[in-house]
């Protein structure tokens, strides 16, 4: 967890002292977080909100189990419907092209 947090801080160009101030803890506490293999969920939650990065999702993606959230399922349903509509429109478009070239 500490390594992930450290990489995320670098990616977000945020230093430990800024994170510490936003968490209302000392920089030493954040330094300790960076060394720990795990953190309490409430801390990870707060840090995720501050960084604007879902650390929990990142961790979940590392699980060997395939899991799809309800939001992902809903989006996939929309994508499938749009792909079906696109194929229908392509067929109609081709039909119109054929009619135009026959004239």
N, C-alpha and C. Protein backbone atom coordinates (compact mmCIF):
# COMPACT_ATOMS: atom_id res chain seq x y z
N UNK A 1 0.83 -1.19 0.00
CA UNK A 1 0.00 0.00 0.00
C UNK A 1 0.87 1.25 0.00
N UNK A 2 1.93 1.20 0.78
CA UNK A 2 2.82 2.34 0.85
C UNK A 2 3.46 2.66 -0.49
N UNK A 3 3.87 1.60 -1.21
CA UNK A 3 4.47 1.80 -2.54
C UNK A 3 3.46 2.40 -3.51
N UNK A 4 2.24 1.91 -3.47
CA UNK A 4 1.19 2.45 -4.35
C UNK A 4 0.95 3.92 -4.01
N UNK A 5 0.87 4.23 -2.76
CA UNK A 5 0.65 5.61 -2.34
C UNK A 5 1.81 6.50 -2.78
N UNK A 6 3.00 6.01 -2.63
CA UNK A 6 4.18 6.78 -3.03
C UNK A 6 4.17 7.06 -4.53
N UNK A 7 3.87 6.02 -5.34
CA UNK A 7 3.80 6.21 -6.81
C UNK A 7 2.69 7.18 -7.18
N UNK A 8 1.57 7.07 -6.50
CA UNK A 8 0.44 7.95 -6.81
C UNK A 8 0.76 9.40 -6.46
N UNK A 9 1.44 9.61 -5.35
CA UNK A 9 1.85 10.97 -5.00
C UNK A 9 2.75 11.56 -6.08
N UNK A 10 3.69 10.75 -6.57
CA UNK A 10 4.59 11.22 -7.64
C UNK A 10 3.80 11.54 -8.90
N UNK A 11 2.88 10.65 -9.27
CA UNK A 11 2.06 10.86 -10.46
C UNK A 11 1.23 12.13 -10.35
N UNK A 12 0.70 12.36 -9.18
CA UNK A 12 -0.15 13.54 -8.94
C UNK A 12 0.68 14.78 -8.61
N UNK A 13 2.00 14.64 -8.58
CA UNK A 13 2.92 15.74 -8.27
C UNK A 13 2.55 16.41 -6.94
N UNK A 14 2.28 15.58 -5.96
CA UNK A 14 1.96 16.10 -4.62
C UNK A 14 3.01 15.58 -3.66
N UNK A 15 3.52 16.44 -2.81
CA UNK A 15 4.51 15.97 -1.85
C UNK A 15 3.83 15.58 -0.53
N UNK A 16 4.60 14.92 0.31
CA UNK A 16 4.06 14.39 1.57
C UNK A 16 3.50 15.47 2.47
N UNK A 17 4.18 16.61 2.50
CA UNK A 17 3.73 17.66 3.43
C UNK A 17 2.38 18.23 3.02
N UNK A 18 2.13 18.33 1.72
CA UNK A 18 0.83 18.83 1.25
C UNK A 18 -0.26 17.83 1.62
N UNK A 19 0.02 16.55 1.38
CA UNK A 19 -0.96 15.52 1.75
C UNK A 19 -1.19 15.52 3.25
N UNK A 20 -0.13 15.64 4.01
CA UNK A 20 -0.25 15.66 5.47
C UNK A 20 -1.13 16.81 5.92
N UNK A 21 -0.93 17.97 5.34
CA UNK A 21 -1.74 19.13 5.73
C UNK A 21 -3.21 18.88 5.42
N UNK A 22 -3.49 18.31 4.26
CA UNK A 22 -4.88 18.06 3.88
C UNK A 22 -5.51 16.95 4.73
N UNK A 23 -4.70 16.02 5.20
CA UNK A 23 -5.20 14.96 6.07
C UNK A 23 -5.25 15.41 7.53
N UNK A 24 -4.66 16.55 7.80
CA UNK A 24 -4.57 17.09 9.15
C UNK A 24 -3.75 16.17 10.06
N UNK A 25 -2.62 15.72 9.50
CA UNK A 25 -1.66 14.92 10.26
C UNK A 25 -0.27 15.51 10.00
N UNK A 26 0.72 15.00 10.68
CA UNK A 26 2.08 15.48 10.46
C UNK A 26 2.68 14.80 9.22
N UNK A 27 3.72 15.41 8.69
CA UNK A 27 4.42 14.81 7.55
C UNK A 27 5.02 13.46 7.94
N UNK A 28 5.39 13.32 9.22
CA UNK A 28 5.92 12.05 9.71
C UNK A 28 4.90 10.92 9.63
N UNK A 29 3.64 11.25 9.88
CA UNK A 29 2.57 10.25 9.78
C UNK A 29 2.45 9.79 8.33
N UNK A 30 2.46 10.73 7.40
CA UNK A 30 2.38 10.37 5.98
C UNK A 30 3.60 9.55 5.59
N UNK A 31 4.77 9.91 6.09
CA UNK A 31 5.98 9.15 5.83
C UNK A 31 5.80 7.70 6.31
N UNK A 32 5.20 7.52 7.48
CA UNK A 32 4.92 6.18 7.99
C UNK A 32 3.95 5.43 7.08
N UNK A 33 2.93 6.13 6.57
CA UNK A 33 1.99 5.51 5.64
C UNK A 33 2.72 4.93 4.44
N UNK A 34 3.72 5.66 3.95
CA UNK A 34 4.46 5.24 2.75
C UNK A 34 5.29 3.99 2.98
N UNK A 35 5.55 3.66 4.23
CA UNK A 35 6.34 2.48 4.57
C UNK A 35 5.49 1.27 4.90
N UNK A 36 4.20 1.48 5.13
CA UNK A 36 3.33 0.40 5.59
C UNK A 36 2.83 -0.46 4.43
N UNK A 37 2.73 -1.78 4.68
CA UNK A 37 2.17 -2.65 3.64
C UNK A 37 0.65 -2.55 3.54
N UNK A 38 0.02 -2.01 4.59
CA UNK A 38 -1.44 -1.85 4.55
C UNK A 38 -1.84 -0.62 5.36
N UNK A 39 -3.02 -0.11 5.05
CA UNK A 39 -3.57 1.04 5.77
C UNK A 39 -5.04 0.79 6.06
N UNK A 40 -5.56 1.46 7.06
CA UNK A 40 -6.98 1.35 7.35
C UNK A 40 -7.78 1.89 6.17
N UNK A 41 -8.91 1.26 5.95
CA UNK A 41 -9.76 1.65 4.83
C UNK A 41 -10.14 3.13 4.91
N UNK A 42 -10.41 3.63 6.09
CA UNK A 42 -10.81 5.03 6.22
C UNK A 42 -9.68 5.98 5.78
N UNK A 43 -8.45 5.58 6.02
CA UNK A 43 -7.31 6.40 5.60
C UNK A 43 -7.18 6.36 4.08
N UNK A 44 -7.28 5.17 3.52
CA UNK A 44 -7.20 5.03 2.05
C UNK A 44 -8.32 5.83 1.39
N UNK A 45 -9.49 5.78 1.98
CA UNK A 45 -10.65 6.52 1.46
C UNK A 45 -10.35 8.03 1.43
N UNK A 46 -9.86 8.54 2.54
CA UNK A 46 -9.56 9.98 2.65
C UNK A 46 -8.47 10.38 1.66
N UNK A 47 -7.43 9.57 1.57
CA UNK A 47 -6.34 9.88 0.66
C UNK A 47 -6.83 9.85 -0.79
N UNK A 48 -7.65 8.87 -1.12
CA UNK A 48 -8.22 8.79 -2.48
C UNK A 48 -8.98 10.05 -2.83
N UNK A 49 -9.77 10.54 -1.90
CA UNK A 49 -10.53 11.77 -2.14
C UNK A 49 -9.62 12.97 -2.32
N UNK A 50 -8.60 13.05 -1.52
CA UNK A 50 -7.66 14.18 -1.61
C UNK A 50 -6.91 14.14 -2.94
N UNK A 51 -6.44 12.95 -3.33
CA UNK A 51 -5.66 12.83 -4.55
C UNK A 51 -6.52 12.82 -5.81
N UNK A 52 -7.80 12.60 -5.65
CA UNK A 52 -8.66 12.49 -6.83
C UNK A 52 -8.32 11.24 -7.62
N UNK A 53 -7.94 10.19 -6.91
CA UNK A 53 -7.56 8.93 -7.54
C UNK A 53 -8.09 7.79 -6.68
N UNK A 54 -8.78 6.86 -7.30
CA UNK A 54 -9.41 5.76 -6.57
C UNK A 54 -8.39 4.66 -6.26
N UNK A 55 -7.73 4.79 -5.12
CA UNK A 55 -6.76 3.78 -4.72
C UNK A 55 -7.42 2.42 -4.50
N UNK A 56 -8.66 2.44 -4.03
CA UNK A 56 -9.38 1.18 -3.80
C UNK A 56 -9.63 0.45 -5.11
N UNK A 57 -10.00 1.19 -6.16
CA UNK A 57 -10.21 0.57 -7.46
C UNK A 57 -8.89 -0.01 -7.97
N UNK A 58 -7.83 0.74 -7.80
CA UNK A 58 -6.51 0.27 -8.23
C UNK A 58 -6.18 -1.06 -7.55
N UNK A 59 -6.42 -1.13 -6.26
CA UNK A 59 -6.17 -2.38 -5.54
C UNK A 59 -7.09 -3.49 -6.03
N UNK A 60 -8.36 -3.16 -6.26
CA UNK A 60 -9.31 -4.15 -6.74
C UNK A 60 -8.93 -4.73 -8.08
N UNK A 61 -8.33 -3.90 -8.92
CA UNK A 61 -7.90 -4.38 -10.25
C UNK A 61 -6.76 -5.39 -10.14
N UNK A 62 -6.09 -5.42 -9.01
CA UNK A 62 -4.99 -6.37 -8.82
C UNK A 62 -5.49 -7.75 -8.40
N UNK A 63 -6.76 -7.85 -8.01
CA UNK A 63 -7.31 -9.14 -7.59
C UNK A 63 -7.37 -10.11 -8.76
N UNK A 64 -7.13 -11.38 -8.51
CA UNK A 64 -7.17 -12.37 -9.58
C UNK A 64 -8.59 -12.76 -10.00
N UNK A 65 -9.59 -12.13 -9.41
CA UNK A 65 -10.98 -12.45 -9.70
C UNK A 65 -11.55 -11.39 -10.63
N UNK A 66 -12.17 -11.83 -11.72
CA UNK A 66 -12.82 -10.88 -12.62
C UNK A 66 -14.11 -10.41 -11.97
N UNK A 67 -14.27 -9.10 -11.86
CA UNK A 67 -15.47 -8.55 -11.25
C UNK A 67 -15.87 -7.32 -12.03
N UNK A 68 -17.15 -7.21 -12.30
CA UNK A 68 -17.66 -6.05 -13.02
C UNK A 68 -18.65 -5.34 -12.10
N UNK A 69 -18.46 -4.05 -11.95
CA UNK A 69 -19.37 -3.28 -11.11
C UNK A 69 -20.69 -3.06 -11.85
N UNK A 70 -21.71 -2.66 -11.13
CA UNK A 70 -23.01 -2.38 -11.75
C UNK A 70 -22.87 -1.23 -12.75
N UNK A 71 -22.08 -0.25 -12.43
CA UNK A 71 -21.86 0.88 -13.33
C UNK A 71 -21.22 0.41 -14.63
N UNK A 72 -20.24 -0.49 -14.53
CA UNK A 72 -19.59 -1.04 -15.72
C UNK A 72 -20.58 -1.87 -16.54
N UNK A 73 -21.44 -2.64 -15.86
CA UNK A 73 -22.44 -3.44 -16.56
C UNK A 73 -23.42 -2.54 -17.31
N UNK A 74 -23.86 -1.46 -16.66
CA UNK A 74 -24.77 -0.52 -17.30
C UNK A 74 -24.13 0.13 -18.52
N UNK A 75 -22.86 0.51 -18.40
CA UNK A 75 -22.15 1.10 -19.53
C UNK A 75 -21.99 0.10 -20.67
N UNK A 76 -21.71 -1.16 -20.33
CA UNK A 76 -21.56 -2.17 -21.37
C UNK A 76 -22.88 -2.39 -22.10
N UNK A 77 -24.00 -2.35 -21.38
CA UNK A 77 -25.31 -2.47 -22.01
C UNK A 77 -25.53 -1.33 -23.00
N UNK A 78 -25.14 -0.11 -22.61
CA UNK A 78 -25.27 1.04 -23.51
C UNK A 78 -24.38 0.89 -24.72
N UNK A 79 -23.15 0.43 -24.51
CA UNK A 79 -22.21 0.22 -25.63
C UNK A 79 -22.78 -0.81 -26.60
N UNK A 80 -23.31 -1.90 -26.08
CA UNK A 80 -23.89 -2.93 -26.93
C UNK A 80 -25.05 -2.38 -27.76
N UNK A 81 -25.91 -1.58 -27.13
CA UNK A 81 -27.05 -1.00 -27.84
C UNK A 81 -26.57 -0.03 -28.92
N UNK A 82 -25.56 0.75 -28.61
CA UNK A 82 -25.03 1.70 -29.60
C UNK A 82 -24.34 0.98 -30.76
N UNK A 83 -23.67 -0.13 -30.48
CA UNK A 83 -23.05 -0.90 -31.55
C UNK A 83 -24.11 -1.51 -32.46
N UNK A 84 -25.20 -1.98 -31.89
CA UNK A 84 -26.30 -2.52 -32.69
C UNK A 84 -26.90 -1.42 -33.56
N UNK A 85 -27.11 -0.25 -32.98
CA UNK A 85 -27.65 0.88 -33.74
C UNK A 85 -26.69 1.30 -34.84
N UNK A 86 -25.41 1.29 -34.56
CA UNK A 86 -24.40 1.66 -35.56
C UNK A 86 -24.44 0.70 -36.73
N UNK A 87 -24.53 -0.59 -36.48
CA UNK A 87 -24.60 -1.57 -37.57
C UNK A 87 -25.85 -1.35 -38.42
N UNK A 88 -26.97 -1.06 -37.76
CA UNK A 88 -28.21 -0.78 -38.49
C UNK A 88 -28.04 0.45 -39.37
N UNK A 89 -27.45 1.50 -38.82
CA UNK A 89 -27.24 2.73 -39.59
C UNK A 89 -26.26 2.52 -40.74
N UNK A 90 -25.26 1.70 -40.54
CA UNK A 90 -24.31 1.39 -41.63
C UNK A 90 -25.04 0.68 -42.78
N UNK A 91 -25.92 -0.23 -42.39
CA UNK A 91 -26.70 -0.93 -43.42
C UNK A 91 -27.60 0.02 -44.18
N UNK A 92 -28.28 0.92 -43.47
CA UNK A 92 -29.14 1.90 -44.12
C UNK A 92 -28.32 2.84 -45.00
N UNK A 93 -27.16 3.22 -44.52
CA UNK A 93 -26.27 4.09 -45.28
C UNK A 93 -25.84 3.42 -46.58
N UNK A 94 -25.48 2.15 -46.48
CA UNK A 94 -25.08 1.41 -47.69
C UNK A 94 -26.24 1.28 -48.67
N UNK A 95 -27.44 1.06 -48.16
CA UNK A 95 -28.62 0.97 -49.00
C UNK A 95 -28.85 2.28 -49.74
N UNK A 96 -28.73 3.39 -49.03
CA UNK A 96 -28.88 4.70 -49.67
C UNK A 96 -27.81 4.94 -50.72
N UNK A 97 -26.59 4.55 -50.46
CA UNK A 97 -25.51 4.68 -51.45
C UNK A 97 -25.83 3.86 -52.70
N UNK A 98 -26.29 2.66 -52.48
CA UNK A 98 -26.65 1.79 -53.61
C UNK A 98 -27.77 2.42 -54.45
N UNK A 99 -28.78 2.99 -53.79
CA UNK A 99 -29.88 3.63 -54.50
C UNK A 99 -29.40 4.84 -55.30
N UNK A 100 -28.51 5.62 -54.71
CA UNK A 100 -28.00 6.81 -55.39
C UNK A 100 -27.17 6.42 -56.61
N UNK A 101 -26.33 5.40 -56.50
CA UNK A 101 -25.46 5.01 -57.61
C UNK A 101 -26.25 4.32 -58.74
N UNK A 102 -27.42 3.80 -58.46
CA UNK A 102 -28.25 3.17 -59.49
C UNK A 102 -28.93 4.17 -60.38
N UNK A 103 -29.07 5.39 -59.92
CA UNK A 103 -29.76 6.42 -60.71
C UNK A 103 -28.97 6.85 -61.85
